[in-house]
Protein backbone atom coordinates (compact mmCIF):
# COMPACT_ATOMS: atom_id res chain seq x y z
CA UNK A 1 0.00 0.00 0.00
CA UNK A 2 1.48 3.31 -1.08
CA UNK A 3 1.62 6.32 1.22
CA UNK A 4 -0.89 8.25 -0.90
CA UNK A 5 -3.31 5.31 -0.90
CA UNK A 6 -2.99 4.98 2.86
CA UNK A 7 -3.66 8.70 3.34
CA UNK A 8 -6.82 8.34 1.26
CA UNK A 9 -7.95 5.41 3.39
CA UNK A 10 -6.99 7.29 6.57
CA UNK A 11 -9.25 10.17 5.53
CA UNK A 12 -12.08 7.76 4.68
CA UNK A 13 -11.65 6.00 8.03
CA UNK A 14 -12.60 9.14 9.95
CA UNK A 15 -15.88 9.37 8.06
CA UNK A 16 -16.48 5.64 8.59
CA UNK A 17 -15.78 5.81 12.34
CA UNK A 18 -17.79 8.96 13.04
CA UNK A 19 -20.82 7.93 10.97
CA UNK A 20 -23.75 7.16 13.31
CA UNK A 21 -24.71 3.51 13.52
CA UNK A 22 -25.18 0.58 15.92
CA UNK A 23 -21.63 1.02 17.24
CA UNK A 24 -22.13 4.66 18.22
CA UNK A 25 -25.47 3.82 19.83
CA UNK A 26 -23.89 0.93 21.76
CA UNK A 27 -21.04 3.06 23.10
CA UNK A 28 -23.35 5.91 24.13
CA UNK A 29 -25.81 3.49 25.73
CA UNK A 30 -23.03 1.75 27.72
CA UNK A 31 -21.58 5.09 28.83
CA UNK A 32 -24.97 6.36 29.94
CA UNK A 33 -25.49 3.28 32.07
CA UNK A 34 -21.98 2.81 33.44
CA UNK A 35 -20.12 6.12 33.01
CA UNK A 36 -17.28 6.94 30.64
CA UNK A 37 -14.52 4.71 32.02
CA UNK A 38 -16.53 1.47 31.98
CA UNK A 39 -18.81 2.32 29.07
CA UNK A 40 -15.81 3.00 26.83
CA UNK A 41 -14.98 -0.71 27.05
CA UNK A 42 -17.74 -1.22 24.47
CA UNK A 43 -15.29 0.32 22.00
CA UNK A 44 -12.89 -2.61 22.44
CA UNK A 45 -15.71 -5.04 21.68
CA UNK A 46 -16.67 -3.07 18.57
CA UNK A 47 -13.06 -3.10 17.39
CA UNK A 48 -12.83 -6.86 17.94
CA UNK A 49 -16.01 -7.18 15.87
CA UNK A 50 -14.46 -5.02 13.16
CA UNK A 51 -11.37 -7.25 13.14
CA UNK A 52 -13.67 -10.26 12.88
CA UNK A 53 -15.41 -8.74 9.86
CA UNK A 54 -12.08 -7.89 8.24
CA UNK A 55 -10.74 -11.40 8.86
CA UNK A 56 -13.89 -12.90 7.33
CA UNK A 57 -13.41 -10.78 4.23
CA UNK A 58 -9.66 -11.48 4.09
CA UNK A 59 -10.11 -15.28 4.03
CA UNK A 60 -12.88 -15.08 1.44
CA UNK A 61 -15.85 -15.98 3.64
CA UNK A 62 -17.26 -12.50 3.15
CA UNK A 63 -17.78 -13.21 -0.53
CA UNK A 64 -19.64 -16.42 0.36
CA UNK A 65 -21.94 -14.56 2.76
CA UNK A 66 -22.72 -11.86 0.22
CA UNK A 67 -23.22 -14.22 -2.75
CA UNK A 68 -25.03 -17.07 -0.95
CA UNK A 69 -28.68 -16.24 -0.34
CA UNK A 70 -28.98 -18.70 2.55
CA UNK A 71 -25.76 -17.66 4.33
CA UNK A 72 -26.61 -13.99 3.88
CA UNK A 73 -30.16 -14.47 5.21
CA UNK A 74 -28.98 -16.43 8.27
CA UNK A 75 -26.38 -13.82 9.24
CA UNK A 76 -28.68 -10.89 8.46
CA UNK A 77 -31.58 -12.14 10.58
CA UNK A 78 -29.25 -13.03 13.43
CA UNK A 79 -28.11 -9.41 13.34
CA UNK A 80 -31.69 -8.12 13.19
CA UNK A 81 -32.74 -10.33 16.11
CA UNK A 82 -29.80 -9.19 18.22
CA UNK A 83 -30.46 -5.48 17.58
CA UNK A 84 -34.14 -5.87 18.41
CA UNK A 85 -33.24 -7.85 21.55
CA UNK A 86 -30.92 -5.02 22.66
CA UNK A 87 -33.66 -2.49 21.96
CA UNK A 88 -36.35 -4.35 23.90
CA UNK A 89 -33.96 -4.94 26.81
CA UNK A 90 -33.03 -1.25 26.90
CA UNK A 91 -36.69 -0.16 26.65
CA UNK A 92 -37.75 -2.43 29.52
CA UNK A 93 -34.76 -1.65 31.74
CA UNK A 94 -35.41 0.28 34.96
CA UNK A 95 -34.56 4.01 34.91
CA UNK A 96 -30.85 4.62 34.51
CA UNK A 97 -29.35 4.72 37.97
CA UNK A 98 -27.06 7.65 38.70
CA UNK A 99 -24.27 7.25 41.29
CA UNK A 100 -24.82 9.44 44.33
CA UNK A 101 -22.04 10.65 46.63
CA UNK A 102 -19.80 7.86 47.88
CA UNK A 103 -22.18 5.07 46.88
CA UNK A 104 -21.22 3.94 43.39
CA UNK A 105 -23.36 1.55 41.41
CA UNK A 106 -22.59 -2.17 41.33
CA UNK A 107 -20.47 -2.32 38.15
CA UNK A 108 -21.24 -4.60 35.23
CA UNK A 109 -18.35 -6.86 34.23
CA UNK A 110 -16.18 -5.26 31.56
CA UNK A 111 -15.95 -8.55 29.68
CA UNK A 112 -19.73 -8.58 29.32
CA UNK A 113 -19.72 -5.06 27.86
CA UNK A 114 -16.93 -6.07 25.46
CA UNK A 115 -18.66 -9.33 24.46
CA UNK A 116 -21.99 -7.67 23.70
CA UNK A 117 -20.33 -4.97 21.61
CA UNK A 118 -18.25 -7.57 19.74
CA UNK A 119 -21.35 -9.56 18.85
CA UNK A 120 -23.07 -6.40 17.65
CA UNK A 121 -20.33 -5.75 15.07
CA UNK A 122 -19.49 -9.36 14.22
CA UNK A 123 -23.08 -10.40 13.34
CA UNK A 124 -23.64 -7.69 10.76
CA UNK A 125 -23.75 -8.67 7.07
CA UNK A 126 -24.04 -5.00 6.14
CA UNK A 127 -20.59 -4.56 7.64
CA UNK A 128 -19.29 -7.51 5.63
CA UNK A 129 -20.73 -6.09 2.43
CA UNK A 130 -19.21 -2.72 3.29
CA UNK A 131 -15.79 -4.28 3.85
CA UNK A 132 -16.04 -6.16 0.55
CA UNK A 133 -17.00 -3.00 -1.30
CA UNK A 134 -14.52 -0.59 0.31
CA UNK A 135 -11.40 -2.46 1.40
CA UNK A 136 -10.39 -3.84 -2.04
CA UNK A 137 -10.28 -0.27 -3.37
CA UNK A 138 -7.30 0.41 -1.09
CA UNK A 139 -5.33 -2.78 -1.72
CA UNK A 140 -2.28 -2.70 -3.99
CA UNK A 141 -2.15 -5.76 -6.32
CA UNK A 142 1.10 -7.67 -6.19
CA UNK A 143 1.97 -6.65 -2.64
CA UNK A 144 1.56 -8.99 0.39
CA UNK A 145 -2.12 -8.90 1.38
CA UNK A 146 -1.58 -9.72 5.06
CA UNK A 147 0.52 -6.61 5.64
CA UNK A 148 -2.06 -4.45 3.86
CA UNK A 149 -4.95 -5.90 5.87
CA UNK A 150 -3.00 -5.27 9.08
CA UNK A 151 -2.46 -1.63 8.07
CA UNK A 152 -6.17 -1.25 7.31
CA UNK A 153 -7.13 -2.86 10.64
CA UNK A 154 -4.71 -0.62 12.57
CA UNK A 155 -6.02 2.51 10.81
CA UNK A 156 -9.66 1.70 11.52
CA UNK A 157 -8.76 0.83 15.11
CA UNK A 158 -7.16 4.24 15.63
CA UNK A 159 -10.07 6.22 14.21
CA UNK A 160 -12.62 4.07 16.08
CA UNK A 161 -10.83 4.64 19.38
CA UNK A 162 -11.02 8.41 18.87
CA UNK A 163 -14.58 8.53 17.50
CA UNK A 164 -16.00 6.31 20.23
CA UNK A 165 -14.19 8.30 22.92
CA UNK A 166 -16.14 11.30 21.64
CA UNK A 167 -19.45 9.42 21.73
CA UNK A 168 -18.74 7.95 25.19
CA UNK A 169 -17.73 11.34 26.63
CA UNK A 170 -20.83 12.96 25.14
CA UNK A 171 -23.10 10.31 26.68
CA UNK A 172 -21.35 10.45 30.07
CA UNK A 173 -21.81 14.22 30.09
CA UNK A 174 -25.51 13.82 29.39
CA UNK A 175 -25.71 11.54 32.44
CA UNK A 176 -25.30 14.52 34.77
CA UNK A 177 -28.42 16.16 33.35
CA UNK A 178 -30.65 13.17 34.13
CA UNK A 179 -31.93 14.35 37.50
CA UNK A 180 -35.31 12.59 37.59
CA UNK A 181 -36.35 8.95 37.04
CA UNK A 182 -38.71 10.08 34.27
CA UNK A 183 -35.85 11.62 32.29
CA UNK A 184 -33.68 8.58 32.81
CA UNK A 185 -36.50 6.29 31.70
CA UNK A 186 -36.95 8.43 28.58
CA UNK A 187 -33.27 8.02 27.70
CA UNK A 188 -33.64 4.24 28.07
CA UNK A 189 -36.55 4.28 25.65
CA UNK A 190 -34.81 6.56 23.17
CA UNK A 191 -31.82 4.25 22.93
CA UNK A 192 -34.04 1.18 22.95
CA UNK A 193 -35.99 2.63 20.03
CA UNK A 194 -32.75 3.41 18.20
CA UNK A 195 -31.59 -0.20 18.49
CA UNK A 196 -34.94 -1.48 17.18
CA UNK A 197 -34.90 1.08 14.34
CA UNK A 198 -31.40 -0.04 13.36
CA UNK A 199 -32.63 -3.64 13.39
CA UNK A 200 -35.52 -2.72 11.08
CA UNK A 201 -33.07 -0.88 8.82
CA UNK A 202 -30.80 -3.93 8.68
CA UNK A 203 -33.82 -6.09 7.80
CA UNK A 204 -34.32 -4.02 4.63
CA UNK A 205 -30.69 -4.44 3.57
CA UNK A 206 -30.33 -6.60 0.47
CA UNK A 207 -27.44 -8.11 -1.39
CA UNK A 208 -26.06 -5.97 -4.21
C-alpha atoms as a PDB file:
ATOM      1  CA  UNK A   1       0.000   0.000   0.000  1.00  0.00           C
ATOM      2  CA  UNK A   2       1.477   3.311  -1.078  1.00  0.00           C
ATOM      3  CA  UNK A   3       1.619   6.325   1.219  1.00  0.00           C
ATOM      4  CA  UNK A   4      -0.895   8.252  -0.897  1.00  0.00           C
ATOM      5  CA  UNK A   5      -3.305   5.314  -0.900  1.00  0.00           C
ATOM      6  CA  UNK A   6      -2.993   4.979   2.864  1.00  0.00           C
ATOM      7  CA  UNK A   7      -3.661   8.703   3.341  1.00  0.00           C
ATOM      8  CA  UNK A   8      -6.820   8.344   1.261  1.00  0.00           C
ATOM      9  CA  UNK A   9      -7.950   5.415   3.394  1.00  0.00           C
ATOM     10  CA  UNK A  10      -6.992   7.286   6.573  1.00  0.00           C
ATOM     11  CA  UNK A  11      -9.252  10.171   5.531  1.00  0.00           C
ATOM     12  CA  UNK A  12     -12.082   7.759   4.677  1.00  0.00           C
ATOM     13  CA  UNK A  13     -11.650   6.000   8.028  1.00  0.00           C
ATOM     14  CA  UNK A  14     -12.599   9.138   9.953  1.00  0.00           C
ATOM     15  CA  UNK A  15     -15.876   9.372   8.062  1.00  0.00           C
ATOM     16  CA  UNK A  16     -16.483   5.645   8.587  1.00  0.00           C
ATOM     17  CA  UNK A  17     -15.776   5.807  12.336  1.00  0.00           C
ATOM     18  CA  UNK A  18     -17.786   8.957  13.035  1.00  0.00           C
ATOM     19  CA  UNK A  19     -20.817   7.934  10.972  1.00  0.00           C
ATOM     20  CA  UNK A  20     -23.752   7.161  13.311  1.00  0.00           C
ATOM     21  CA  UNK A  21     -24.712   3.508  13.515  1.00  0.00           C
ATOM     22  CA  UNK A  22     -25.179   0.576  15.922  1.00  0.00           C
ATOM     23  CA  UNK A  23     -21.634   1.023  17.242  1.00  0.00           C
ATOM     24  CA  UNK A  24     -22.130   4.658  18.218  1.00  0.00           C
ATOM     25  CA  UNK A  25     -25.470   3.822  19.827  1.00  0.00           C
ATOM     26  CA  UNK A  26     -23.891   0.925  21.757  1.00  0.00           C
ATOM     27  CA  UNK A  27     -21.039   3.061  23.100  1.00  0.00           C
ATOM     28  CA  UNK A  28     -23.347   5.905  24.134  1.00  0.00           C
ATOM     29  CA  UNK A  29     -25.806   3.487  25.734  1.00  0.00           C
ATOM     30  CA  UNK A  30     -23.035   1.748  27.716  1.00  0.00           C
ATOM     31  CA  UNK A  31     -21.577   5.091  28.834  1.00  0.00           C
ATOM     32  CA  UNK A  32     -24.970   6.362  29.941  1.00  0.00           C
ATOM     33  CA  UNK A  33     -25.490   3.278  32.066  1.00  0.00           C
ATOM     34  CA  UNK A  34     -21.980   2.811  33.440  1.00  0.00           C
ATOM     35  CA  UNK A  35     -20.124   6.118  33.011  1.00  0.00           C
ATOM     36  CA  UNK A  36     -17.283   6.937  30.638  1.00  0.00           C
ATOM     37  CA  UNK A  37     -14.518   4.710  32.024  1.00  0.00           C
ATOM     38  CA  UNK A  38     -16.532   1.469  31.982  1.00  0.00           C
ATOM     39  CA  UNK A  39     -18.810   2.316  29.067  1.00  0.00           C
ATOM     40  CA  UNK A  40     -15.813   2.995  26.834  1.00  0.00           C
ATOM     41  CA  UNK A  41     -14.977  -0.713  27.048  1.00  0.00           C
ATOM     42  CA  UNK A  42     -17.737  -1.224  24.474  1.00  0.00           C
ATOM     43  CA  UNK A  43     -15.285   0.319  22.000  1.00  0.00           C
ATOM     44  CA  UNK A  44     -12.893  -2.606  22.436  1.00  0.00           C
ATOM     45  CA  UNK A  45     -15.707  -5.042  21.675  1.00  0.00           C
ATOM     46  CA  UNK A  46     -16.670  -3.068  18.567  1.00  0.00           C
ATOM     47  CA  UNK A  47     -13.058  -3.098  17.387  1.00  0.00           C
ATOM     48  CA  UNK A  48     -12.835  -6.862  17.939  1.00  0.00           C
ATOM     49  CA  UNK A  49     -16.008  -7.177  15.870  1.00  0.00           C
ATOM     50  CA  UNK A  50     -14.457  -5.017  13.160  1.00  0.00           C
ATOM     51  CA  UNK A  51     -11.366  -7.252  13.144  1.00  0.00           C
ATOM     52  CA  UNK A  52     -13.667 -10.262  12.881  1.00  0.00           C
ATOM     53  CA  UNK A  53     -15.409  -8.744   9.860  1.00  0.00           C
ATOM     54  CA  UNK A  54     -12.077  -7.891   8.241  1.00  0.00           C
ATOM     55  CA  UNK A  55     -10.738 -11.399   8.863  1.00  0.00           C
ATOM     56  CA  UNK A  56     -13.889 -12.904   7.334  1.00  0.00           C
ATOM     57  CA  UNK A  57     -13.413 -10.776   4.229  1.00  0.00           C
ATOM     58  CA  UNK A  58      -9.664 -11.485   4.086  1.00  0.00           C
ATOM     59  CA  UNK A  59     -10.113 -15.278   4.034  1.00  0.00           C
ATOM     60  CA  UNK A  60     -12.881 -15.076   1.438  1.00  0.00           C
ATOM     61  CA  UNK A  61     -15.855 -15.983   3.638  1.00  0.00           C
ATOM     62  CA  UNK A  62     -17.265 -12.496   3.154  1.00  0.00           C
ATOM     63  CA  UNK A  63     -17.778 -13.207  -0.532  1.00  0.00           C
ATOM     64  CA  UNK A  64     -19.635 -16.419   0.359  1.00  0.00           C
ATOM     65  CA  UNK A  65     -21.945 -14.562   2.762  1.00  0.00           C
ATOM     66  CA  UNK A  66     -22.719 -11.862   0.216  1.00  0.00           C
ATOM     67  CA  UNK A  67     -23.222 -14.223  -2.750  1.00  0.00           C
ATOM     68  CA  UNK A  68     -25.032 -17.069  -0.953  1.00  0.00           C
ATOM     69  CA  UNK A  69     -28.682 -16.245  -0.342  1.00  0.00           C
ATOM     70  CA  UNK A  70     -28.978 -18.702   2.550  1.00  0.00           C
ATOM     71  CA  UNK A  71     -25.755 -17.659   4.328  1.00  0.00           C
ATOM     72  CA  UNK A  72     -26.612 -13.993   3.880  1.00  0.00           C
ATOM     73  CA  UNK A  73     -30.161 -14.470   5.209  1.00  0.00           C
ATOM     74  CA  UNK A  74     -28.983 -16.426   8.268  1.00  0.00           C
ATOM     75  CA  UNK A  75     -26.381 -13.822   9.241  1.00  0.00           C
ATOM     76  CA  UNK A  76     -28.684 -10.893   8.457  1.00  0.00           C
ATOM     77  CA  UNK A  77     -31.583 -12.141  10.579  1.00  0.00           C
ATOM     78  CA  UNK A  78     -29.251 -13.027  13.434  1.00  0.00           C
ATOM     79  CA  UNK A  79     -28.109  -9.415  13.344  1.00  0.00           C
ATOM     80  CA  UNK A  80     -31.687  -8.122  13.191  1.00  0.00           C
ATOM     81  CA  UNK A  81     -32.738 -10.328  16.109  1.00  0.00           C
ATOM     82  CA  UNK A  82     -29.796  -9.189  18.217  1.00  0.00           C
ATOM     83  CA  UNK A  83     -30.456  -5.485  17.580  1.00  0.00           C
ATOM     84  CA  UNK A  84     -34.142  -5.874  18.412  1.00  0.00           C
ATOM     85  CA  UNK A  85     -33.237  -7.845  21.549  1.00  0.00           C
ATOM     86  CA  UNK A  86     -30.923  -5.025  22.662  1.00  0.00           C
ATOM     87  CA  UNK A  87     -33.661  -2.487  21.960  1.00  0.00           C
ATOM     88  CA  UNK A  88     -36.348  -4.350  23.905  1.00  0.00           C
ATOM     89  CA  UNK A  89     -33.959  -4.938  26.808  1.00  0.00           C
ATOM     90  CA  UNK A  90     -33.029  -1.250  26.900  1.00  0.00           C
ATOM     91  CA  UNK A  91     -36.686  -0.162  26.645  1.00  0.00           C
ATOM     92  CA  UNK A  92     -37.753  -2.430  29.517  1.00  0.00           C
ATOM     93  CA  UNK A  93     -34.758  -1.649  31.735  1.00  0.00           C
ATOM     94  CA  UNK A  94     -35.410   0.276  34.964  1.00  0.00           C
ATOM     95  CA  UNK A  95     -34.560   4.006  34.906  1.00  0.00           C
ATOM     96  CA  UNK A  96     -30.854   4.622  34.510  1.00  0.00           C
ATOM     97  CA  UNK A  97     -29.353   4.716  37.966  1.00  0.00           C
ATOM     98  CA  UNK A  98     -27.060   7.648  38.702  1.00  0.00           C
ATOM     99  CA  UNK A  99     -24.275   7.255  41.293  1.00  0.00           C
ATOM    100  CA  UNK A 100     -24.824   9.441  44.334  1.00  0.00           C
ATOM    101  CA  UNK A 101     -22.039  10.647  46.632  1.00  0.00           C
ATOM    102  CA  UNK A 102     -19.803   7.862  47.880  1.00  0.00           C
ATOM    103  CA  UNK A 103     -22.182   5.075  46.875  1.00  0.00           C
ATOM    104  CA  UNK A 104     -21.224   3.943  43.390  1.00  0.00           C
ATOM    105  CA  UNK A 105     -23.363   1.550  41.405  1.00  0.00           C
ATOM    106  CA  UNK A 106     -22.594  -2.165  41.334  1.00  0.00           C
ATOM    107  CA  UNK A 107     -20.469  -2.325  38.155  1.00  0.00           C
ATOM    108  CA  UNK A 108     -21.240  -4.597  35.226  1.00  0.00           C
ATOM    109  CA  UNK A 109     -18.350  -6.859  34.233  1.00  0.00           C
ATOM    110  CA  UNK A 110     -16.180  -5.256  31.558  1.00  0.00           C
ATOM    111  CA  UNK A 111     -15.950  -8.550  29.676  1.00  0.00           C
ATOM    112  CA  UNK A 112     -19.728  -8.578  29.324  1.00  0.00           C
ATOM    113  CA  UNK A 113     -19.718  -5.058  27.862  1.00  0.00           C
ATOM    114  CA  UNK A 114     -16.932  -6.072  25.458  1.00  0.00           C
ATOM    115  CA  UNK A 115     -18.661  -9.334  24.461  1.00  0.00           C
ATOM    116  CA  UNK A 116     -21.993  -7.668  23.705  1.00  0.00           C
ATOM    117  CA  UNK A 117     -20.331  -4.972  21.610  1.00  0.00           C
ATOM    118  CA  UNK A 118     -18.246  -7.570  19.745  1.00  0.00           C
ATOM    119  CA  UNK A 119     -21.355  -9.560  18.853  1.00  0.00           C
ATOM    120  CA  UNK A 120     -23.071  -6.396  17.646  1.00  0.00           C
ATOM    121  CA  UNK A 121     -20.331  -5.751  15.071  1.00  0.00           C
ATOM    122  CA  UNK A 122     -19.495  -9.356  14.220  1.00  0.00           C
ATOM    123  CA  UNK A 123     -23.081 -10.399  13.336  1.00  0.00           C
ATOM    124  CA  UNK A 124     -23.638  -7.689  10.760  1.00  0.00           C
ATOM    125  CA  UNK A 125     -23.753  -8.671   7.074  1.00  0.00           C
ATOM    126  CA  UNK A 126     -24.044  -5.004   6.143  1.00  0.00           C
ATOM    127  CA  UNK A 127     -20.589  -4.558   7.643  1.00  0.00           C
ATOM    128  CA  UNK A 128     -19.288  -7.511   5.632  1.00  0.00           C
ATOM    129  CA  UNK A 129     -20.729  -6.094   2.426  1.00  0.00           C
ATOM    130  CA  UNK A 130     -19.215  -2.717   3.287  1.00  0.00           C
ATOM    131  CA  UNK A 131     -15.792  -4.282   3.847  1.00  0.00           C
ATOM    132  CA  UNK A 132     -16.038  -6.159   0.554  1.00  0.00           C
ATOM    133  CA  UNK A 133     -16.995  -2.998  -1.299  1.00  0.00           C
ATOM    134  CA  UNK A 134     -14.518  -0.589   0.313  1.00  0.00           C
ATOM    135  CA  UNK A 135     -11.403  -2.465   1.405  1.00  0.00           C
ATOM    136  CA  UNK A 136     -10.386  -3.839  -2.044  1.00  0.00           C
ATOM    137  CA  UNK A 137     -10.284  -0.267  -3.368  1.00  0.00           C
ATOM    138  CA  UNK A 138      -7.303   0.409  -1.089  1.00  0.00           C
ATOM    139  CA  UNK A 139      -5.328  -2.779  -1.720  1.00  0.00           C
ATOM    140  CA  UNK A 140      -2.284  -2.700  -3.994  1.00  0.00           C
ATOM    141  CA  UNK A 141      -2.152  -5.757  -6.317  1.00  0.00           C
ATOM    142  CA  UNK A 142       1.098  -7.672  -6.193  1.00  0.00           C
ATOM    143  CA  UNK A 143       1.974  -6.648  -2.639  1.00  0.00           C
ATOM    144  CA  UNK A 144       1.556  -8.990   0.385  1.00  0.00           C
ATOM    145  CA  UNK A 145      -2.118  -8.897   1.381  1.00  0.00           C
ATOM    146  CA  UNK A 146      -1.581  -9.720   5.058  1.00  0.00           C
ATOM    147  CA  UNK A 147       0.522  -6.607   5.640  1.00  0.00           C
ATOM    148  CA  UNK A 148      -2.065  -4.445   3.863  1.00  0.00           C
ATOM    149  CA  UNK A 149      -4.954  -5.902   5.873  1.00  0.00           C
ATOM    150  CA  UNK A 150      -3.001  -5.269   9.082  1.00  0.00           C
ATOM    151  CA  UNK A 151      -2.459  -1.627   8.067  1.00  0.00           C
ATOM    152  CA  UNK A 152      -6.172  -1.250   7.314  1.00  0.00           C
ATOM    153  CA  UNK A 153      -7.131  -2.862  10.642  1.00  0.00           C
ATOM    154  CA  UNK A 154      -4.710  -0.616  12.569  1.00  0.00           C
ATOM    155  CA  UNK A 155      -6.017   2.507  10.814  1.00  0.00           C
ATOM    156  CA  UNK A 156      -9.661   1.703  11.519  1.00  0.00           C
ATOM    157  CA  UNK A 157      -8.759   0.835  15.107  1.00  0.00           C
ATOM    158  CA  UNK A 158      -7.157   4.244  15.630  1.00  0.00           C
ATOM    159  CA  UNK A 159     -10.072   6.217  14.211  1.00  0.00           C
ATOM    160  CA  UNK A 160     -12.624   4.073  16.076  1.00  0.00           C
ATOM    161  CA  UNK A 161     -10.825   4.642  19.384  1.00  0.00           C
ATOM    162  CA  UNK A 162     -11.019   8.412  18.874  1.00  0.00           C
ATOM    163  CA  UNK A 163     -14.577   8.527  17.503  1.00  0.00           C
ATOM    164  CA  UNK A 164     -16.002   6.313  20.232  1.00  0.00           C
ATOM    165  CA  UNK A 165     -14.187   8.302  22.920  1.00  0.00           C
ATOM    166  CA  UNK A 166     -16.137  11.304  21.645  1.00  0.00           C
ATOM    167  CA  UNK A 167     -19.454   9.423  21.734  1.00  0.00           C
ATOM    168  CA  UNK A 168     -18.737   7.952  25.186  1.00  0.00           C
ATOM    169  CA  UNK A 169     -17.729  11.336  26.630  1.00  0.00           C
ATOM    170  CA  UNK A 170     -20.830  12.957  25.145  1.00  0.00           C
ATOM    171  CA  UNK A 171     -23.100  10.313  26.684  1.00  0.00           C
ATOM    172  CA  UNK A 172     -21.354  10.446  30.074  1.00  0.00           C
ATOM    173  CA  UNK A 173     -21.812  14.224  30.088  1.00  0.00           C
ATOM    174  CA  UNK A 174     -25.514  13.818  29.391  1.00  0.00           C
ATOM    175  CA  UNK A 175     -25.714  11.538  32.445  1.00  0.00           C
ATOM    176  CA  UNK A 176     -25.298  14.518  34.770  1.00  0.00           C
ATOM    177  CA  UNK A 177     -28.418  16.164  33.346  1.00  0.00           C
ATOM    178  CA  UNK A 178     -30.654  13.174  34.128  1.00  0.00           C
ATOM    179  CA  UNK A 179     -31.935  14.352  37.497  1.00  0.00           C
ATOM    180  CA  UNK A 180     -35.313  12.591  37.586  1.00  0.00           C
ATOM    181  CA  UNK A 181     -36.350   8.945  37.040  1.00  0.00           C
ATOM    182  CA  UNK A 182     -38.714  10.084  34.274  1.00  0.00           C
ATOM    183  CA  UNK A 183     -35.854  11.618  32.287  1.00  0.00           C
ATOM    184  CA  UNK A 184     -33.675   8.575  32.809  1.00  0.00           C
ATOM    185  CA  UNK A 185     -36.502   6.289  31.699  1.00  0.00           C
ATOM    186  CA  UNK A 186     -36.948   8.427  28.578  1.00  0.00           C
ATOM    187  CA  UNK A 187     -33.269   8.020  27.702  1.00  0.00           C
ATOM    188  CA  UNK A 188     -33.643   4.243  28.068  1.00  0.00           C
ATOM    189  CA  UNK A 189     -36.550   4.277  25.647  1.00  0.00           C
ATOM    190  CA  UNK A 190     -34.810   6.564  23.174  1.00  0.00           C
ATOM    191  CA  UNK A 191     -31.824   4.250  22.933  1.00  0.00           C
ATOM    192  CA  UNK A 192     -34.041   1.177  22.945  1.00  0.00           C
ATOM    193  CA  UNK A 193     -35.994   2.626  20.027  1.00  0.00           C
ATOM    194  CA  UNK A 194     -32.752   3.414  18.198  1.00  0.00           C
ATOM    195  CA  UNK A 195     -31.592  -0.198  18.488  1.00  0.00           C
ATOM    196  CA  UNK A 196     -34.941  -1.477  17.176  1.00  0.00           C
ATOM    197  CA  UNK A 197     -34.898   1.082  14.338  1.00  0.00           C
ATOM    198  CA  UNK A 198     -31.403  -0.044  13.361  1.00  0.00           C
ATOM    199  CA  UNK A 199     -32.632  -3.645  13.392  1.00  0.00           C
ATOM    200  CA  UNK A 200     -35.521  -2.721  11.082  1.00  0.00           C
ATOM    201  CA  UNK A 201     -33.074  -0.876   8.818  1.00  0.00           C
ATOM    202  CA  UNK A 202     -30.804  -3.925   8.679  1.00  0.00           C
ATOM    203  CA  UNK A 203     -33.821  -6.092   7.799  1.00  0.00           C
ATOM    204  CA  UNK A 204     -34.321  -4.016   4.631  1.00  0.00           C
ATOM    205  CA  UNK A 205     -30.685  -4.439   3.566  1.00  0.00           C
ATOM    206  CA  UNK A 206     -30.333  -6.604   0.472  1.00  0.00           C
ATOM    207  CA  UNK A 207     -27.436  -8.113  -1.392  1.00  0.00           C
ATOM    208  CA  UNK A 208     -26.063  -5.973  -4.212  1.00  0.00           C
END
